[in-house]
């Protein structure tokens, strides 16, 4: 077995930093825009007036759909500011 492995060349593994650097930012922007659209749709149909409760519900909704907490809070905060709640 050692003789078989001696002739095999292995590609160097990418570090986590290199993998993170290779992520495509345009996709992140598309994901954020999709999150904004979800929040806008929910706000159109919402009758909730308590900002804290509405924020929590919207962030939870985005979290269930796989958005990270920082993106969810940023999107919800900006959309509520535009709505003046």
Protein backbone atom coordinates (compact mmCIF):
# COMPACT_ATOMS: atom_id res chain seq x y z
CA UNK A 1 0.00 0.00 0.00
CA UNK A 2 2.85 2.40 0.78
CA UNK A 3 4.29 1.82 -2.67
CA UNK A 4 0.94 2.70 -4.26
CA UNK A 5 0.63 5.92 -2.26
CA UNK A 6 4.20 6.94 -3.00
CA UNK A 7 3.34 7.72 -6.62
CA UNK A 8 0.18 9.71 -5.86
CA UNK A 9 0.32 13.50 -5.70
CA UNK A 10 -2.17 15.28 -3.49
CA UNK A 11 -3.43 18.79 -4.18
CA UNK A 12 -2.86 21.21 -1.33
CA UNK A 13 -5.96 21.83 0.76
CA UNK A 14 -7.45 25.31 0.71
CA UNK A 15 -7.49 27.11 4.01
CA UNK A 16 -10.80 28.38 5.42
CA UNK A 17 -9.60 31.93 4.72
CA UNK A 18 -8.99 31.12 1.06
CA UNK A 19 -12.41 29.51 0.79
CA UNK A 20 -14.05 32.59 2.33
CA UNK A 21 -12.16 34.89 -0.03
CA UNK A 22 -13.39 32.92 -3.03
CA UNK A 23 -17.05 33.47 -2.11
CA UNK A 24 -18.87 35.56 -4.68
CA UNK A 25 -20.15 38.88 -3.28
CA UNK A 26 -22.80 39.34 -6.00
CA UNK A 27 -24.63 36.28 -4.70
CA UNK A 28 -24.65 37.79 -1.22
CA UNK A 29 -26.17 40.96 -2.65
CA UNK A 30 -28.83 38.89 -4.42
CA UNK A 31 -29.60 37.06 -1.17
CA UNK A 32 -29.95 40.36 0.68
CA UNK A 33 -32.30 41.72 -1.98
CA UNK A 34 -34.40 38.55 -1.73
CA UNK A 35 -34.56 39.04 2.05
CA UNK A 36 -35.65 42.65 1.54
CA UNK A 37 -38.45 41.55 -0.77
CA UNK A 38 -39.67 38.99 1.79
CA UNK A 39 -39.74 41.66 4.50
CA UNK A 40 -41.56 44.12 2.23
CA UNK A 41 -44.23 41.53 1.44
CA UNK A 42 -44.75 40.77 5.13
CA UNK A 43 -44.91 44.47 5.98
CA UNK A 44 -47.58 45.11 3.34
CA UNK A 45 -49.92 42.63 5.01
CA UNK A 46 -48.99 43.38 8.60
CA UNK A 47 -51.23 45.24 11.04
CA UNK A 48 -48.70 44.98 13.88
CA UNK A 49 -47.86 48.36 15.47
CA UNK A 50 -45.38 47.24 18.14
CA UNK A 51 -41.95 47.75 16.52
CA UNK A 52 -40.09 45.34 18.83
CA UNK A 53 -42.58 42.53 18.25
CA UNK A 54 -42.61 43.15 14.50
CA UNK A 55 -38.81 43.19 14.36
CA UNK A 56 -38.60 39.90 16.24
CA UNK A 57 -41.17 38.25 13.97
CA UNK A 58 -39.49 39.42 10.77
CA UNK A 59 -36.01 38.41 11.93
CA UNK A 60 -37.33 35.00 12.99
CA UNK A 61 -39.00 34.58 9.60
CA UNK A 62 -35.72 35.32 7.80
CA UNK A 63 -33.81 33.00 10.15
CA UNK A 64 -36.19 30.14 9.34
CA UNK A 65 -35.41 30.73 5.67
CA UNK A 66 -31.68 30.44 6.28
CA UNK A 67 -30.55 34.07 6.52
CA UNK A 68 -27.90 34.89 9.09
CA UNK A 69 -28.74 37.09 12.08
CA UNK A 70 -26.64 40.05 10.94
CA UNK A 71 -28.25 40.14 7.49
CA UNK A 72 -31.72 39.64 8.95
CA UNK A 73 -31.39 42.44 11.51
CA UNK A 74 -29.85 44.84 8.99
CA UNK A 75 -32.56 44.22 6.40
CA UNK A 76 -35.41 44.47 8.91
CA UNK A 77 -33.98 47.61 10.49
CA UNK A 78 -33.62 49.37 7.12
CA UNK A 79 -37.05 48.35 5.87
CA UNK A 80 -38.75 49.46 9.10
CA UNK A 81 -36.90 52.78 8.93
CA UNK A 82 -38.21 53.30 5.40
CA UNK A 83 -41.71 52.46 6.60
CA UNK A 84 -41.27 54.89 9.54
CA UNK A 85 -42.22 52.47 12.31
